[in-house]
Each structure stands twice: as structure tokens, then as C-alpha cells.
């Protein structure tokens, strides 16, 4: 994302400001990555939509943010950026946490739907988190604040493993 900020700064002739923002972003990401690099890994499922059920692969900014926190996207290896997945595939991969994106108005319904599957570790241990989709699904400088909050949630998951 820092690369894109610098690019737009060049186009808009605001390189000085863009470089400051990009540097701050890179420094914060490096700090968070270093703080989490030796912590135990956590498996995570990120849901971006429910009908059809959709997630993200490892090339998405959201997945990269999860990696910064030491969370491994269970569908990182899929070739499509935003693939459809089945409930059975999520159950089979049995994530430690479920992260719900989507609009705020639907998140509670999505959470309630997951509660029907208590065999999934994330459900069993109450590690289903509602995330602000605007923060994660529209990558801007705000993503840093979102990643900091996400890392705290991932630490909560680790605490119960």
C-alpha cells in the first residue's frame, strides 16, 4: 500500500506528504510484524460475504494484514482473489478464529449463522470477531489502526490455545 501512496503522491505532485504517510505506514507495519513474528500462529477465516459465502486469498491486503498479526488465512492458497467457499470447507479447515467483514447491518446475522457450527474451534472458543469492513476492505492509511486492533484480537485467540 505504501507503494501506491507514493505513486499517487507523484501523480498529484504531493510527494513530500505522500512519502511521510508511506514511511509512517511502513514503519508501523514493520513494528507490528516484528512484535508478532515469534508468536504461535493462529488459523483464520475472513468472510467478506455470505450468499454466496466468499472469502479472500493470500494476495489480498486483508490476508497480508492477518499475516502481520501472525494469523494464517486458511484459504490463502486459492488462485482467485475473492473465491466462493462452502461451509463444509470452512468446517474441514477448522479455523481458530472467524473474522467477519461485510456491512455492519448484516454482521450479527452472519455471526448467528456461525453459532450453529459449534464443532469449529473459532465457534467453540467464542473467537468470532466483527471487523469494520471499511477499514479492511478499502485499504487506506486507516488500515494500520485496523491491523493494531486485529492483532489484539489474534492475541486473545492465542491466549486460549
N, C-alpha and C. Protein backbone atom coordinates (compact mmCIF):
# COMPACT_ATOMS: atom_id res chain seq x y z
N UNK A 1 0.82 -1.19 0.00
CA UNK A 1 0.00 0.00 0.00
C UNK A 1 0.87 1.26 0.00
N UNK A 2 2.02 1.21 0.64
CA UNK A 2 2.91 2.37 0.66
C UNK A 2 3.35 2.74 -0.75
N UNK A 3 3.55 1.72 -1.57
CA UNK A 3 3.95 1.95 -2.96
C UNK A 3 2.87 2.75 -3.70
N UNK A 4 1.61 2.38 -3.48
CA UNK A 4 0.51 3.08 -4.13
C UNK A 4 0.39 4.52 -3.63
N UNK A 5 0.61 4.73 -2.34
CA UNK A 5 0.56 6.09 -1.78
C UNK A 5 1.62 6.96 -2.45
N UNK A 6 2.81 6.42 -2.58
CA UNK A 6 3.89 7.19 -3.24
C UNK A 6 3.56 7.46 -4.71
N UNK A 7 2.98 6.48 -5.36
CA UNK A 7 2.60 6.63 -6.77
C UNK A 7 1.60 7.77 -6.94
N UNK A 8 0.55 7.76 -6.11
CA UNK A 8 -0.45 8.82 -6.21
C UNK A 8 0.12 10.17 -5.79
N UNK A 9 1.03 10.16 -4.85
CA UNK A 9 1.70 11.40 -4.46
C UNK A 9 2.47 12.00 -5.61
N UNK A 10 3.09 11.15 -6.40
CA UNK A 10 3.83 11.62 -7.57
C UNK A 10 2.87 12.20 -8.62
N UNK A 11 1.80 11.48 -8.89
CA UNK A 11 0.83 11.94 -9.88
C UNK A 11 0.20 13.27 -9.46
N UNK A 12 -0.12 13.38 -8.17
CA UNK A 12 -0.80 14.58 -7.66
C UNK A 12 0.16 15.67 -7.22
N UNK A 13 1.45 15.41 -7.41
CA UNK A 13 2.50 16.36 -7.05
C UNK A 13 2.46 16.72 -5.56
N UNK A 14 2.26 15.68 -4.75
CA UNK A 14 2.28 15.83 -3.29
C UNK A 14 3.24 14.80 -2.70
N UNK A 15 4.41 14.66 -3.34
CA UNK A 15 5.36 13.63 -2.95
C UNK A 15 5.79 13.72 -1.50
N UNK A 16 6.02 14.93 -0.99
CA UNK A 16 6.51 15.08 0.38
C UNK A 16 5.51 14.50 1.37
N UNK A 17 4.25 14.88 1.22
CA UNK A 17 3.21 14.36 2.10
C UNK A 17 3.03 12.86 1.91
N UNK A 18 3.00 12.43 0.66
CA UNK A 18 2.82 11.00 0.37
C UNK A 18 3.95 10.17 0.96
N UNK A 19 5.17 10.65 0.85
CA UNK A 19 6.31 9.92 1.41
C UNK A 19 6.23 9.83 2.92
N UNK A 20 5.79 10.90 3.59
CA UNK A 20 5.64 10.86 5.05
C UNK A 20 4.61 9.81 5.46
N UNK A 21 3.47 9.81 4.76
CA UNK A 21 2.41 8.85 5.07
C UNK A 21 2.90 7.42 4.79
N UNK A 22 3.55 7.22 3.65
CA UNK A 22 4.04 5.89 3.28
C UNK A 22 5.10 5.40 4.27
N UNK A 23 6.00 6.28 4.67
CA UNK A 23 7.04 5.90 5.64
C UNK A 23 6.43 5.53 6.98
N UNK A 24 5.45 6.32 7.43
CA UNK A 24 4.77 6.02 8.70
C UNK A 24 4.09 4.65 8.62
N UNK A 25 3.45 4.40 7.50
CA UNK A 25 2.78 3.12 7.28
C UNK A 25 3.78 1.97 7.31
N UNK A 26 4.87 2.09 6.59
CA UNK A 26 5.89 1.04 6.56
C UNK A 26 6.51 0.80 7.93
N UNK A 27 6.78 1.87 8.66
CA UNK A 27 7.37 1.73 10.00
C UNK A 27 6.42 1.02 10.95
N UNK A 28 5.15 1.39 10.90
CA UNK A 28 4.16 0.77 11.79
C UNK A 28 4.00 -0.71 11.45
N UNK A 29 3.92 -1.03 10.16
CA UNK A 29 3.80 -2.43 9.76
C UNK A 29 5.02 -3.24 10.19
N UNK A 30 6.20 -2.66 10.05
CA UNK A 30 7.42 -3.35 10.47
C UNK A 30 7.42 -3.61 11.97
N UNK A 31 6.98 -2.62 12.74
CA UNK A 31 6.90 -2.76 14.20
C UNK A 31 5.92 -3.87 14.59
N UNK A 32 4.74 -3.86 13.97
CA UNK A 32 3.73 -4.89 14.27
C UNK A 32 4.22 -6.28 13.84
N UNK A 33 4.82 -6.36 12.68
CA UNK A 33 5.34 -7.66 12.20
C UNK A 33 6.38 -8.21 13.16
N UNK A 34 7.29 -7.36 13.57
CA UNK A 34 8.36 -7.80 14.48
C UNK A 34 7.78 -8.25 15.82
N UNK A 35 6.79 -7.53 16.32
CA UNK A 35 6.17 -7.86 17.61
C UNK A 35 5.45 -9.21 17.56
N UNK A 36 5.00 -9.62 16.38
CA UNK A 36 4.21 -10.85 16.27
C UNK A 36 4.94 -12.01 15.61
N UNK A 37 6.14 -11.80 15.12
CA UNK A 37 6.80 -12.82 14.31
C UNK A 37 7.12 -14.12 15.05
N UNK A 38 7.36 -14.06 16.34
CA UNK A 38 7.71 -15.28 17.08
C UNK A 38 6.56 -15.85 17.90
N UNK A 39 5.40 -15.25 17.77
CA UNK A 39 4.23 -15.76 18.49
C UNK A 39 3.67 -16.96 17.75
N UNK A 40 2.99 -17.85 18.46
CA UNK A 40 2.37 -19.00 17.79
C UNK A 40 1.38 -18.54 16.72
N UNK A 41 1.36 -19.25 15.60
CA UNK A 41 0.46 -18.92 14.50
C UNK A 41 -0.97 -19.32 14.86
N UNK A 42 -1.90 -18.57 14.33
CA UNK A 42 -3.33 -18.80 14.52
C UNK A 42 -3.94 -18.94 13.13
N UNK A 43 -4.85 -19.90 12.94
CA UNK A 43 -5.52 -20.02 11.65
C UNK A 43 -6.78 -19.17 11.66
N UNK A 44 -7.05 -18.52 10.52
CA UNK A 44 -8.16 -17.57 10.47
C UNK A 44 -8.93 -17.69 9.16
N UNK A 45 -10.24 -17.50 9.28
CA UNK A 45 -11.13 -17.42 8.11
C UNK A 45 -11.70 -16.02 8.10
N UNK A 46 -11.58 -15.32 6.96
CA UNK A 46 -12.14 -13.97 6.81
C UNK A 46 -13.29 -14.05 5.82
N UNK A 47 -14.48 -13.70 6.27
CA UNK A 47 -15.67 -13.75 5.43
C UNK A 47 -15.99 -12.36 4.92
N UNK A 48 -16.08 -12.22 3.57
CA UNK A 48 -16.44 -10.93 3.01
C UNK A 48 -17.89 -10.88 2.57
N UNK A 49 -18.51 -12.05 2.40
CA UNK A 49 -19.93 -12.09 2.04
C UNK A 49 -20.48 -13.44 2.41
N UNK A 50 -21.84 -13.53 2.50
CA UNK A 50 -22.43 -14.79 2.97
C UNK A 50 -23.25 -15.55 1.94
N UNK A 51 -23.79 -14.89 0.92
CA UNK A 51 -24.63 -15.61 -0.03
C UNK A 51 -24.34 -15.12 -1.45
N UNK A 52 -23.42 -15.74 -2.14
CA UNK A 52 -22.68 -16.94 -1.75
C UNK A 52 -21.58 -16.59 -0.74
N UNK A 53 -21.17 -17.59 0.03
CA UNK A 53 -20.13 -17.37 1.02
C UNK A 53 -18.82 -17.10 0.28
N UNK A 54 -18.21 -15.96 0.61
CA UNK A 54 -16.98 -15.56 -0.07
C UNK A 54 -15.91 -15.16 0.94
N UNK A 55 -14.67 -15.38 0.53
CA UNK A 55 -13.52 -15.07 1.37
C UNK A 55 -12.46 -14.37 0.52
N UNK A 56 -11.24 -14.39 0.99
CA UNK A 56 -10.12 -13.77 0.28
C UNK A 56 -8.98 -14.78 0.18
N UNK A 57 -8.13 -14.60 -0.83
CA UNK A 57 -6.95 -15.46 -0.90
C UNK A 57 -5.76 -14.72 -0.29
N UNK A 58 -4.59 -15.32 -0.37
CA UNK A 58 -3.41 -14.76 0.27
C UNK A 58 -2.84 -13.51 -0.37
N UNK A 59 -3.29 -13.17 -1.57
CA UNK A 59 -2.77 -11.99 -2.26
C UNK A 59 -3.50 -10.71 -1.86
N UNK A 60 -4.57 -10.83 -1.14
CA UNK A 60 -5.36 -9.67 -0.74
C UNK A 60 -4.69 -8.93 0.42
N UNK A 61 -4.88 -7.63 0.46
CA UNK A 61 -4.35 -6.80 1.54
C UNK A 61 -4.82 -7.30 2.90
N UNK A 62 -6.06 -7.74 2.98
CA UNK A 62 -6.61 -8.23 4.25
C UNK A 62 -5.81 -9.44 4.74
N UNK A 63 -5.51 -10.35 3.84
CA UNK A 63 -4.74 -11.54 4.21
C UNK A 63 -3.33 -11.15 4.66
N UNK A 64 -2.75 -10.18 3.99
CA UNK A 64 -1.43 -9.71 4.37
C UNK A 64 -1.47 -9.05 5.75
N UNK A 65 -2.56 -8.35 6.04
CA UNK A 65 -2.73 -7.76 7.38
C UNK A 65 -2.82 -8.86 8.43
N UNK A 66 -3.53 -9.93 8.11
CA UNK A 66 -3.63 -11.06 9.03
C UNK A 66 -2.24 -11.64 9.31
N UNK A 67 -1.43 -11.75 8.26
CA UNK A 67 -0.07 -12.28 8.42
C UNK A 67 0.77 -11.43 9.36
N UNK A 68 0.61 -10.11 9.28
CA UNK A 68 1.34 -9.20 10.17
C UNK A 68 1.08 -9.57 11.63
N UNK A 69 -0.15 -9.98 11.91
CA UNK A 69 -0.55 -10.33 13.28
C UNK A 69 -0.23 -11.77 13.65
N UNK A 70 0.29 -12.54 12.71
CA UNK A 70 0.59 -13.93 12.99
C UNK A 70 -0.59 -14.85 12.78
N UNK A 71 -1.55 -14.41 11.97
CA UNK A 71 -2.71 -15.24 11.64
C UNK A 71 -2.56 -15.73 10.20
N UNK A 72 -2.80 -17.01 10.01
CA UNK A 72 -2.67 -17.61 8.69
C UNK A 72 -4.05 -17.79 8.07
N UNK A 73 -4.27 -17.20 6.92
CA UNK A 73 -5.52 -17.31 6.18
C UNK A 73 -5.69 -18.75 5.70
N UNK A 74 -6.77 -19.40 6.09
CA UNK A 74 -6.97 -20.81 5.73
C UNK A 74 -7.20 -21.01 4.24
N UNK A 75 -7.53 -19.95 3.52
CA UNK A 75 -7.75 -20.04 2.08
C UNK A 75 -6.72 -19.23 1.29
N UNK A 76 -5.56 -19.01 1.87
CA UNK A 76 -4.51 -18.20 1.23
C UNK A 76 -4.06 -18.79 -0.10
N UNK A 77 -4.12 -20.11 -0.23
CA UNK A 77 -3.58 -20.76 -1.43
C UNK A 77 -4.54 -20.81 -2.61
N UNK A 78 -5.76 -20.34 -2.45
CA UNK A 78 -6.70 -20.38 -3.57
C UNK A 78 -6.28 -19.38 -4.65
N UNK A 79 -6.48 -19.73 -5.93
CA UNK A 79 -5.99 -18.87 -7.01
C UNK A 79 -6.83 -17.61 -7.27
N UNK A 80 -8.09 -17.62 -6.89
CA UNK A 80 -8.98 -16.49 -7.13
C UNK A 80 -8.88 -15.51 -5.96
N UNK A 81 -8.84 -14.21 -6.26
CA UNK A 81 -8.69 -13.19 -5.21
C UNK A 81 -9.81 -13.22 -4.18
N UNK A 82 -11.06 -13.37 -4.64
CA UNK A 82 -12.21 -13.41 -3.73
C UNK A 82 -13.07 -14.63 -4.08
N UNK A 83 -12.62 -15.82 -3.66
CA UNK A 83 -13.31 -17.04 -4.05
C UNK A 83 -14.56 -17.33 -3.22
N UNK A 84 -15.47 -18.07 -3.86
CA UNK A 84 -16.59 -18.64 -3.13
C UNK A 84 -16.07 -19.89 -2.42
N UNK A 85 -16.55 -20.09 -1.20
CA UNK A 85 -16.19 -21.29 -0.44
C UNK A 85 -17.46 -21.87 0.17
N UNK A 86 -17.39 -23.10 0.60
CA UNK A 86 -18.54 -23.75 1.22
C UNK A 86 -18.37 -23.81 2.73
N UNK A 87 -19.47 -23.95 3.42
CA UNK A 87 -19.42 -24.12 4.87
C UNK A 87 -18.62 -25.38 5.20
N UNK A 88 -18.76 -26.41 4.37
CA UNK A 88 -18.04 -27.66 4.60
C UNK A 88 -16.52 -27.45 4.54
N UNK A 89 -16.08 -26.59 3.62
CA UNK A 89 -14.63 -26.36 3.52
C UNK A 89 -14.11 -25.59 4.73
N UNK A 90 -14.92 -24.70 5.28
CA UNK A 90 -14.52 -23.98 6.49
C UNK A 90 -14.49 -24.95 7.67
N UNK A 91 -15.51 -25.80 7.77
CA UNK A 91 -15.55 -26.79 8.85
C UNK A 91 -14.32 -27.70 8.76
N UNK A 92 -14.00 -28.14 7.56
CA UNK A 92 -12.85 -29.03 7.36
C UNK A 92 -11.53 -28.37 7.78
N UNK A 93 -11.38 -27.10 7.48
CA UNK A 93 -10.14 -26.39 7.83
C UNK A 93 -10.11 -25.96 9.29
N UNK A 94 -11.28 -25.90 9.93
CA UNK A 94 -11.41 -25.69 11.38
C UNK A 94 -10.57 -24.52 11.91
N UNK A 95 -10.87 -23.30 11.49
CA UNK A 95 -10.04 -22.16 11.90
C UNK A 95 -10.13 -21.86 13.39
N UNK A 96 -9.06 -21.25 13.91
CA UNK A 96 -9.03 -20.82 15.31
C UNK A 96 -9.87 -19.57 15.53
N UNK A 97 -10.03 -18.77 14.48
CA UNK A 97 -10.85 -17.57 14.57
C UNK A 97 -11.58 -17.34 13.26
N UNK A 98 -12.73 -16.72 13.35
CA UNK A 98 -13.50 -16.30 12.18
C UNK A 98 -13.63 -14.79 12.26
N UNK A 99 -13.23 -14.13 11.18
CA UNK A 99 -13.26 -12.68 11.10
C UNK A 99 -14.33 -12.29 10.10
N UNK A 100 -15.29 -11.50 10.54
CA UNK A 100 -16.41 -11.14 9.68
C UNK A 100 -16.28 -9.71 9.18
N UNK A 101 -16.18 -9.57 7.87
CA UNK A 101 -16.19 -8.26 7.23
C UNK A 101 -17.63 -7.91 6.91
N UNK A 102 -17.88 -7.45 5.72
CA UNK A 102 -19.25 -7.15 5.32
C UNK A 102 -19.80 -5.90 6.00
N UNK A 103 -21.01 -5.57 5.62
CA UNK A 103 -21.68 -4.39 6.17
C UNK A 103 -22.11 -4.62 7.61
N UNK A 104 -22.05 -3.58 8.40
CA UNK A 104 -22.40 -3.67 9.81
C UNK A 104 -23.81 -4.24 10.01
N UNK A 105 -24.72 -3.91 9.11
CA UNK A 105 -26.11 -4.33 9.23
C UNK A 105 -26.29 -5.85 9.13
N UNK A 106 -25.36 -6.53 8.49
CA UNK A 106 -25.51 -7.98 8.30
C UNK A 106 -24.60 -8.81 9.20
N UNK A 107 -23.64 -8.17 9.84
CA UNK A 107 -22.65 -8.93 10.60
C UNK A 107 -23.26 -9.77 11.72
N UNK A 108 -24.24 -9.25 12.42
CA UNK A 108 -24.84 -10.01 13.51
C UNK A 108 -25.54 -11.26 12.98
N UNK A 109 -26.20 -11.14 11.84
CA UNK A 109 -26.82 -12.32 11.22
C UNK A 109 -25.77 -13.35 10.83
N UNK A 110 -24.64 -12.89 10.31
CA UNK A 110 -23.56 -13.80 9.93
C UNK A 110 -23.02 -14.50 11.17
N UNK A 111 -22.83 -13.74 12.24
CA UNK A 111 -22.33 -14.32 13.49
C UNK A 111 -23.30 -15.38 13.99
N UNK A 112 -24.59 -15.07 13.99
CA UNK A 112 -25.59 -16.03 14.44
C UNK A 112 -25.57 -17.31 13.60
N UNK A 113 -25.33 -17.17 12.30
CA UNK A 113 -25.26 -18.34 11.42
C UNK A 113 -24.08 -19.24 11.80
N UNK A 114 -22.96 -18.63 12.17
CA UNK A 114 -21.79 -19.43 12.57
C UNK A 114 -22.01 -20.16 13.88
N UNK A 115 -22.83 -19.61 14.75
CA UNK A 115 -23.06 -20.24 16.05
C UNK A 115 -23.72 -21.61 15.93
N UNK A 116 -24.25 -21.92 14.76
CA UNK A 116 -24.86 -23.24 14.52
C UNK A 116 -23.82 -24.33 14.29
N UNK A 117 -22.53 -23.95 14.27
CA UNK A 117 -21.46 -24.90 13.97
C UNK A 117 -20.47 -24.96 15.13
N UNK A 118 -20.88 -25.49 16.30
CA UNK A 118 -20.01 -25.50 17.48
C UNK A 118 -18.80 -26.42 17.37
N UNK A 119 -18.73 -27.23 16.32
CA UNK A 119 -17.56 -28.10 16.17
C UNK A 119 -16.34 -27.32 15.66
N UNK A 120 -16.56 -26.13 15.13
CA UNK A 120 -15.44 -25.30 14.64
C UNK A 120 -14.77 -24.66 15.85
N UNK A 121 -13.45 -24.75 15.93
CA UNK A 121 -12.71 -24.18 17.06
C UNK A 121 -13.08 -22.73 17.34
N UNK A 122 -13.18 -21.91 16.30
CA UNK A 122 -13.49 -20.49 16.48
C UNK A 122 -14.84 -20.29 17.16
N UNK A 123 -15.80 -21.14 16.82
CA UNK A 123 -17.13 -21.04 17.42
C UNK A 123 -17.10 -21.57 18.85
N UNK A 124 -16.49 -22.72 19.01
CA UNK A 124 -16.40 -23.36 20.32
C UNK A 124 -15.76 -22.45 21.36
N UNK A 125 -14.73 -21.72 20.95
CA UNK A 125 -13.98 -20.87 21.89
C UNK A 125 -14.39 -19.40 21.83
N UNK A 126 -15.47 -19.12 21.12
CA UNK A 126 -16.02 -17.75 21.03
C UNK A 126 -15.02 -16.76 20.42
N UNK A 127 -14.37 -17.18 19.35
CA UNK A 127 -13.41 -16.32 18.66
C UNK A 127 -13.93 -15.92 17.28
N UNK A 128 -15.14 -15.37 17.27
CA UNK A 128 -15.71 -14.81 16.05
C UNK A 128 -15.74 -13.30 16.27
N UNK A 129 -15.10 -12.57 15.37
CA UNK A 129 -14.96 -11.13 15.56
C UNK A 129 -15.57 -10.37 14.39
N UNK A 130 -16.29 -9.31 14.73
CA UNK A 130 -16.87 -8.41 13.73
C UNK A 130 -15.85 -7.30 13.46
N UNK A 131 -15.45 -7.17 12.22
CA UNK A 131 -14.47 -6.15 11.85
C UNK A 131 -15.13 -5.07 11.01
N UNK A 132 -14.60 -3.88 11.07
CA UNK A 132 -15.12 -2.78 10.25
C UNK A 132 -14.67 -3.01 8.81
N UNK A 133 -15.62 -3.33 7.97
CA UNK A 133 -15.30 -3.62 6.57
C UNK A 133 -14.62 -2.42 5.90
N UNK A 134 -15.05 -1.21 6.22
CA UNK A 134 -14.44 -0.03 5.60
C UNK A 134 -12.95 0.05 5.89
N UNK A 135 -12.55 -0.40 7.05
CA UNK A 135 -11.14 -0.36 7.42
C UNK A 135 -10.33 -1.40 6.67
N UNK A 136 -10.87 -2.60 6.53
CA UNK A 136 -10.11 -3.70 5.94
C UNK A 136 -10.36 -3.90 4.45
N UNK A 137 -11.55 -3.65 4.00
CA UNK A 137 -11.89 -3.95 2.62
C UNK A 137 -11.69 -2.76 1.68
N UNK A 138 -11.33 -1.61 2.23
CA UNK A 138 -10.97 -0.44 1.44
C UNK A 138 -9.63 0.05 1.96
N UNK A 139 -8.55 -0.57 1.52
CA UNK A 139 -7.25 -0.28 2.12
C UNK A 139 -6.80 1.17 1.95
N UNK A 140 -6.69 1.84 3.06
CA UNK A 140 -6.18 3.20 3.13
C UNK A 140 -5.26 3.26 4.33
N UNK A 141 -4.82 4.44 4.67
CA UNK A 141 -3.95 4.59 5.84
C UNK A 141 -4.65 4.10 7.11
N UNK A 142 -5.98 4.12 7.13
CA UNK A 142 -6.74 3.64 8.30
C UNK A 142 -6.49 2.17 8.58
N UNK A 143 -6.01 1.46 7.58
CA UNK A 143 -5.75 0.03 7.75
C UNK A 143 -4.81 -0.24 8.92
N UNK A 144 -3.87 0.66 9.17
CA UNK A 144 -2.93 0.48 10.28
C UNK A 144 -3.67 0.37 11.60
N UNK A 145 -4.64 1.27 11.83
CA UNK A 145 -5.43 1.21 13.06
C UNK A 145 -6.18 -0.11 13.13
N UNK A 146 -6.71 -0.53 11.99
CA UNK A 146 -7.42 -1.80 11.94
C UNK A 146 -6.51 -2.98 12.25
N UNK A 147 -5.29 -2.94 11.73
CA UNK A 147 -4.35 -4.04 11.98
C UNK A 147 -3.98 -4.09 13.45
N UNK A 148 -3.79 -2.95 14.07
CA UNK A 148 -3.48 -2.94 15.51
C UNK A 148 -4.59 -3.62 16.30
N UNK A 149 -5.84 -3.29 15.98
CA UNK A 149 -6.97 -3.93 16.65
C UNK A 149 -7.06 -5.41 16.34
N UNK A 150 -6.79 -5.77 15.09
CA UNK A 150 -6.81 -7.17 14.69
C UNK A 150 -5.76 -7.96 15.46
N UNK A 151 -4.57 -7.40 15.61
CA UNK A 151 -3.51 -8.09 16.35
C UNK A 151 -3.93 -8.35 17.80
N UNK A 152 -4.65 -7.42 18.40
CA UNK A 152 -5.15 -7.62 19.77
C UNK A 152 -6.14 -8.78 19.81
N UNK A 153 -7.00 -8.87 18.80
CA UNK A 153 -7.96 -9.98 18.73
C UNK A 153 -7.22 -11.31 18.55
N UNK A 154 -6.21 -11.33 17.69
CA UNK A 154 -5.44 -12.55 17.47
C UNK A 154 -4.72 -12.96 18.75
N UNK A 155 -4.24 -11.99 19.52
CA UNK A 155 -3.62 -12.30 20.82
C UNK A 155 -4.64 -12.93 21.77
N UNK A 156 -5.91 -12.50 21.72
CA UNK A 156 -6.95 -13.12 22.54
C UNK A 156 -7.14 -14.58 22.15
N UNK A 157 -7.06 -14.86 20.86
CA UNK A 157 -7.19 -16.25 20.39
C UNK A 157 -6.02 -17.07 20.92
N UNK A 158 -4.82 -16.54 20.82
CA UNK A 158 -3.63 -17.26 21.31
C UNK A 158 -3.74 -17.57 22.80
N UNK A 159 -4.31 -16.65 23.54
CA UNK A 159 -4.40 -16.81 25.00
C UNK A 159 -5.23 -18.02 25.40
N UNK A 160 -6.09 -18.51 24.51
CA UNK A 160 -6.94 -19.66 24.85
C UNK A 160 -6.49 -20.95 24.16
N UNK A 161 -5.34 -20.92 23.53
CA UNK A 161 -4.86 -22.14 22.85
C UNK A 161 -4.02 -22.97 23.78
